[in-house]
């Protein structure tokens, strides 16, 4: 009974204090105390507010940075993709332009039949006496390609096929020191022999003394000797010299073909080289 009575007294006191506080609040007697409490707690509340705002800002900033990083990664991937596509389109455009030029060449020179080919590789094999400048093509016997067939671009003569397999061919380039082509000057019709040099340039030799050959003259294949058809462009004269001890003039030739940038070419498949020397020997042999 005593415990119940004490609990009732406590409850009554709490109710009385609440009512007293409410009444004092309504009458304004608690305002100074409230102001005093607010004076002490305001800085704490302000600091807590600033801390909360800072934490919220950091969270938002971290989220923004993460989103920016993800977006940046996406943009980099897109830029790389566009760059690759741009390279592919430029490469395709260049290939189409080369094919258009070769097509125009075949239309302007219908006397031959041609096989289009692209380079599969190149090789510079070193020997004690010279350099061998070879390229390898992606066509062979199955495409109608045979040994000694000329290889050209729309700009001029590249060389001749020296070996052929079912699906590939080896070409000795014009600039090789072992290469030799009978040639003539387009305007004056002066003849000579164009040979390759170790440094990858061309020289026209055996030009008769007194014949007029000038820088800028165009050099073509003459067709003499039967190794190449005539009128294929070789290059342009850059310099003409004749030493006192030399019987012939010598001309330096700049090739019209850029041998370092060969890609797509034509093999003249309808040309059959003629070995005139062998024919003469054969004709001179007595019949049994």
Protein backbone atom coordinates (compact mmCIF):
# COMPACT_ATOMS: atom_id res chain seq x y z
CA UNK A 1 0.00 0.00 0.00
CA UNK A 2 2.84 2.38 0.89
CA UNK A 3 4.50 1.77 -2.52
CA UNK A 4 1.30 2.54 -4.42
CA UNK A 5 0.77 5.68 -2.37
CA UNK A 6 4.34 6.87 -3.14
CA UNK A 7 3.88 6.32 -6.88
CA UNK A 8 0.67 8.32 -6.84
CA UNK A 9 2.48 11.16 -5.04
CA UNK A 10 5.26 11.15 -7.71
CA UNK A 11 2.79 11.20 -10.55
CA UNK A 12 0.89 14.05 -8.94
CA UNK A 13 4.11 16.02 -8.47
CA UNK A 14 5.11 15.52 -12.11
CA UNK A 15 1.69 16.64 -13.30
CA UNK A 16 1.87 19.65 -11.00
CA UNK A 17 5.35 20.58 -12.29
CA UNK A 18 4.22 20.26 -15.89
CA UNK A 19 1.18 22.41 -15.25
CA UNK A 20 3.32 24.91 -13.33
CA UNK A 21 5.87 25.06 -16.15
CA UNK A 22 3.14 25.50 -18.73
CA UNK A 23 1.57 28.27 -16.69
CA UNK A 24 4.89 30.04 -16.14
CA UNK A 25 5.64 29.73 -19.86
CA UNK A 26 2.31 31.30 -20.72
CA UNK A 27 2.92 34.10 -18.23
CA UNK A 28 6.45 34.69 -19.67
CA UNK A 29 8.38 33.88 -16.51
CA UNK A 30 10.47 31.16 -18.23
CA UNK A 31 11.63 33.31 -21.16
CA UNK A 32 14.93 34.41 -19.49
CA UNK A 33 15.76 30.80 -18.69
CA UNK A 34 14.91 29.74 -22.23
CA UNK A 35 17.06 32.52 -23.65
CA UNK A 36 19.92 31.52 -21.37
CA UNK A 37 19.71 27.91 -22.48
CA UNK A 38 19.54 28.96 -26.13
CA UNK A 39 22.56 31.22 -25.62
CA UNK A 40 24.63 28.28 -24.46
CA UNK A 41 23.26 25.75 -26.94
CA UNK A 42 23.13 27.96 -30.08
CA UNK A 43 26.88 27.67 -30.90
CA UNK A 44 26.69 23.92 -30.42
CA UNK A 45 23.65 23.72 -32.67
CA UNK A 46 25.34 25.94 -35.28
CA UNK A 47 28.48 23.80 -35.25
CA UNK A 48 26.40 20.66 -35.53
CA UNK A 49 24.52 22.21 -38.46
CA UNK A 50 27.77 23.18 -40.18
CA UNK A 51 29.19 19.70 -39.60
CA UNK A 52 26.05 18.10 -41.00
CA UNK A 53 26.12 20.42 -44.03
CA UNK A 54 29.83 19.70 -44.59
CA UNK A 55 29.31 15.94 -44.42
CA UNK A 56 26.33 16.23 -46.76
CA UNK A 57 28.39 18.36 -49.14
CA UNK A 58 31.28 15.89 -49.09
CA UNK A 59 28.94 13.03 -49.84
CA UNK A 60 27.40 14.97 -52.73
CA UNK A 61 30.85 16.00 -54.00
CA UNK A 62 32.11 12.42 -53.83
CA UNK A 63 29.04 11.30 -55.75
CA UNK A 64 29.61 14.06 -58.34
CA UNK A 65 33.29 13.11 -58.73
CA UNK A 66 32.39 9.45 -59.18
CA UNK A 67 29.78 10.37 -61.78
CA UNK A 68 32.27 12.65 -63.56
CA UNK A 69 34.89 9.90 -63.57
CA UNK A 70 32.41 7.42 -64.99
CA UNK A 71 31.32 9.95 -67.61
CA UNK A 72 34.95 10.72 -68.45
CA UNK A 73 35.66 7.01 -68.90
CA UNK A 74 32.65 6.72 -71.22
CA UNK A 75 33.81 9.74 -73.24
CA UNK A 76 37.35 8.36 -73.53
CA UNK A 77 35.98 5.04 -74.78
CA UNK A 78 33.80 6.89 -77.29
CA UNK A 79 36.74 9.04 -78.44
CA UNK A 80 38.91 5.94 -78.93
CA UNK A 81 36.13 4.23 -80.87
CA UNK A 82 35.66 7.29 -83.10
CA UNK A 83 39.42 7.54 -83.66
CA UNK A 84 39.61 3.90 -84.75
CA UNK A 85 36.61 4.38 -87.04
CA UNK A 86 38.15 7.54 -88.49
CA UNK A 87 41.41 5.70 -89.21
CA UNK A 88 39.46 2.86 -90.85
CA UNK A 89 37.48 5.26 -93.03
CA UNK A 90 40.61 7.17 -94.08
CA UNK A 91 42.33 3.89 -94.92
CA UNK A 92 39.30 2.77 -96.92
CA UNK A 93 39.19 6.11 -98.72
CA UNK A 94 42.88 5.81 -99.63
CA UNK A 95 42.40 2.26 -100.90
CA UNK A 96 39.42 3.35 -103.00
CA UNK A 97 41.43 6.22 -104.47
CA UNK A 98 44.28 3.86 -105.40
CA UNK A 99 41.82 1.45 -107.02
CA UNK A 100 40.20 4.31 -108.96
CA UNK A 101 43.60 5.39 -110.26
CA UNK A 102 44.47 1.83 -111.29
CA UNK A 103 41.08 1.43 -112.97
CA UNK A 104 41.65 4.63 -114.94
CA UNK A 105 45.07 3.33 -115.97
CA UNK A 106 43.63 0.05 -117.26
CA UNK A 107 40.93 1.92 -119.19
CA UNK A 108 43.53 4.19 -120.78
CA UNK A 109 45.79 1.23 -121.61
CA UNK A 110 43.45 -1.50 -122.88
CA UNK A 111 46.20 -3.25 -124.89
CA UNK A 112 47.01 -5.41 -121.85
CA UNK A 113 45.11 -7.53 -119.38
CA UNK A 114 45.81 -6.99 -115.69
CA UNK A 115 45.59 -8.71 -112.33
CA UNK A 116 45.12 -6.46 -109.31
CA UNK A 117 47.30 -7.35 -106.35
CA UNK A 118 48.34 -6.03 -102.96
CA UNK A 119 51.66 -6.29 -101.20
CA UNK A 120 52.01 -9.05 -98.62
CA UNK A 121 55.47 -8.13 -97.46
CA UNK A 122 58.86 -6.84 -98.45
CA UNK A 123 62.37 -8.10 -98.00
CA UNK A 124 65.81 -6.61 -98.36
CA UNK A 125 68.19 -9.54 -98.53
CA UNK A 126 71.86 -8.76 -98.13
CA UNK A 127 74.49 -10.44 -100.27
CA UNK A 128 78.23 -9.78 -100.50
CA UNK A 129 77.97 -7.91 -103.80
CA UNK A 130 74.62 -6.15 -103.77
CA UNK A 131 71.24 -5.63 -102.18
CA UNK A 132 68.13 -7.47 -103.27
CA UNK A 133 64.97 -5.40 -103.12
CA UNK A 134 62.02 -7.81 -103.16
CA UNK A 135 58.32 -7.47 -102.50
CA UNK A 136 55.81 -10.29 -102.14
CA UNK A 137 52.32 -10.20 -103.66
CA UNK A 138 49.08 -11.97 -102.74
CA UNK A 139 48.53 -13.46 -106.22
CA UNK A 140 50.13 -16.43 -107.92
CA UNK A 141 49.72 -19.15 -110.51
CA UNK A 142 46.05 -19.61 -109.67
CA UNK A 143 45.49 -15.96 -110.63
CA UNK A 144 47.28 -16.27 -113.96
CA UNK A 145 50.57 -14.80 -112.75
CA UNK A 146 53.82 -16.17 -114.20
CA UNK A 147 57.52 -15.50 -113.93
CA UNK A 148 58.91 -12.36 -115.67
CA UNK A 149 55.54 -10.61 -115.84
CA UNK A 150 55.84 -6.82 -115.29
CA UNK A 151 54.38 -5.24 -112.15
CA UNK A 152 53.21 -1.63 -112.27
CA UNK A 153 51.19 1.07 -110.55
CA UNK A 154 49.37 3.91 -112.24
CA UNK A 155 52.57 5.94 -111.73
CA UNK A 156 54.92 3.58 -113.52
CA UNK A 157 57.05 0.44 -113.49
CA UNK A 158 57.66 -1.37 -110.19
CA UNK A 159 59.61 -4.42 -111.37
CA UNK A 160 59.09 -7.97 -112.60
CA UNK A 161 58.00 -11.28 -111.14
CA UNK A 162 61.03 -13.46 -110.39
CA UNK A 163 59.34 -16.36 -108.59
CA UNK A 164 55.74 -17.50 -108.30
CA UNK A 165 53.77 -19.94 -106.17
CA UNK A 166 50.13 -21.03 -106.20
CA UNK A 167 48.92 -17.97 -104.26
CA UNK A 168 51.91 -15.63 -104.05
CA UNK A 169 54.61 -14.05 -106.16
CA UNK A 170 58.03 -12.53 -105.58
CA UNK A 171 58.90 -9.31 -107.40
CA UNK A 172 62.38 -7.88 -107.97
CA UNK A 173 61.98 -4.12 -107.83
CA UNK A 174 63.36 -1.75 -110.44
CA UNK A 175 65.67 -0.07 -107.90
CA UNK A 176 67.62 -3.27 -107.20
CA UNK A 177 71.24 -3.14 -108.46
CA UNK A 178 70.71 -6.40 -110.37
CA UNK A 179 67.77 -4.92 -112.27
CA UNK A 180 68.27 -3.54 -115.79
CA UNK A 181 65.66 -2.15 -118.20
CA UNK A 182 66.07 -0.92 -121.77
CA UNK A 183 64.75 2.63 -121.81
CA UNK A 184 64.41 5.77 -123.89
CA UNK A 185 63.89 9.49 -123.41
CA UNK A 186 60.29 10.33 -124.31
CA UNK A 187 60.96 13.48 -126.36
CA UNK A 188 64.30 12.80 -128.05
CA UNK A 189 63.88 8.99 -128.28
CA UNK A 190 67.47 8.60 -127.09
CA UNK A 191 67.99 5.08 -125.77
CA UNK A 192 69.94 3.75 -122.82
CA UNK A 193 69.89 1.21 -120.01
CA UNK A 194 68.27 2.01 -116.65
CA UNK A 195 69.84 0.24 -113.67
CA UNK A 196 69.18 0.27 -109.96
CA UNK A 197 71.68 1.53 -107.40
CA UNK A 198 72.56 0.42 -103.89
CA UNK A 199 71.01 3.59 -102.45
CA UNK A 200 67.64 2.84 -104.08
CA UNK A 201 67.99 5.35 -106.92
CA UNK A 202 68.12 4.83 -110.70
CA UNK A 203 70.78 5.57 -113.31
CA UNK A 204 70.40 5.61 -117.08
CA UNK A 205 73.63 4.41 -118.68
CA UNK A 206 74.94 3.90 -122.23
CA UNK A 207 73.53 7.19 -123.49
CA UNK A 208 75.45 7.97 -126.71
CA UNK A 209 77.72 11.05 -126.51
CA UNK A 210 76.33 14.18 -128.11
CA UNK A 211 72.71 13.11 -127.69
CA UNK A 212 70.54 15.72 -125.99
CA UNK A 213 69.28 14.64 -122.59
CA UNK A 214 68.07 17.29 -120.14
CA UNK A 215 66.85 17.39 -116.53
CA UNK A 216 63.08 17.03 -116.51
CA UNK A 217 62.97 14.60 -119.44
CA UNK A 218 60.63 11.64 -118.96
CA UNK A 219 62.13 8.16 -119.21
CA UNK A 220 60.05 5.23 -120.54
CA UNK A 221 60.66 1.56 -121.21
CA UNK A 222 61.73 1.10 -124.83
CA UNK A 223 60.55 -2.49 -125.26
CA UNK A 224 63.93 -3.44 -126.70
CA UNK A 225 65.24 -6.77 -125.51
CA UNK A 226 61.75 -8.14 -125.00
CA UNK A 227 61.88 -8.11 -121.18
CA UNK A 228 59.30 -5.34 -120.70
CA UNK A 229 56.58 -3.80 -122.85
CA UNK A 230 57.31 -0.34 -124.20
CA UNK A 231 55.99 3.03 -122.96
CA UNK A 232 55.89 2.17 -119.26
CA UNK A 233 56.93 5.20 -117.22
CA UNK A 234 60.19 4.78 -115.29
CA UNK A 235 61.01 8.24 -114.00
CA UNK A 236 62.38 11.70 -114.70
CA UNK A 237 65.93 12.85 -115.43
CA UNK A 238 67.41 14.93 -112.61
CA UNK A 239 71.06 15.21 -113.71
CA UNK A 240 73.23 14.38 -116.74
CA UNK A 241 76.99 13.85 -116.51
CA UNK A 242 79.85 12.64 -118.70
CA UNK A 243 83.35 12.22 -117.39
CA UNK A 244 86.28 12.64 -119.77
CA UNK A 245 87.21 8.98 -119.55
CA UNK A 246 83.64 7.79 -120.19
CA UNK A 247 82.40 6.99 -123.67
CA UNK A 248 78.72 7.39 -122.75
CA UNK A 249 76.65 9.94 -120.87
CA UNK A 250 75.04 9.02 -117.55
CA UNK A 251 71.70 10.37 -116.30
CA UNK A 252 70.37 10.23 -112.76
CA UNK A 253 66.69 9.23 -112.74
CA UNK A 254 64.10 9.98 -110.07
CA UNK A 255 61.52 7.16 -110.13
CA UNK A 256 57.89 8.17 -110.47
CA UNK A 257 56.93 5.21 -108.25
CA UNK A 258 57.38 5.64 -104.49
CA UNK A 259 58.89 2.24 -103.71
CA UNK A 260 58.58 2.82 -99.97
CA UNK A 261 54.80 3.22 -100.12
CA UNK A 262 53.69 0.40 -102.40
CA UNK A 263 50.30 -1.08 -101.54
CA UNK A 264 48.07 -2.05 -104.46
CA UNK A 265 49.56 -2.82 -107.88
CA UNK A 266 48.83 -4.40 -111.24
CA UNK A 267 50.48 -7.43 -112.81
CA UNK A 268 50.42 -7.31 -116.62
CA UNK A 269 49.32 -10.89 -117.22
CA UNK A 270 49.00 -10.67 -121.02
CA UNK A 271 52.67 -9.78 -121.58
CA UNK A 272 54.98 -12.62 -122.54
CA UNK A 273 58.69 -11.74 -122.38
CA UNK A 274 60.72 -12.64 -125.45
CA UNK A 275 64.30 -13.84 -125.22
CA UNK A 276 65.58 -12.54 -128.57
CA UNK A 277 69.07 -13.87 -127.90
CA UNK A 278 67.76 -17.39 -127.40
CA UNK A 279 65.61 -17.09 -130.51
CA UNK A 280 68.61 -16.03 -132.60
CA UNK A 281 70.73 -18.89 -131.26
CA UNK A 282 67.90 -21.32 -131.92
CA UNK A 283 67.46 -19.97 -135.45
CA UNK A 284 71.18 -20.38 -136.15
CA UNK A 285 71.27 -24.00 -135.01
CA UNK A 286 71.31 -26.39 -137.97
CA UNK A 287 68.37 -28.66 -138.40
CA UNK A 288 68.99 -32.36 -137.97
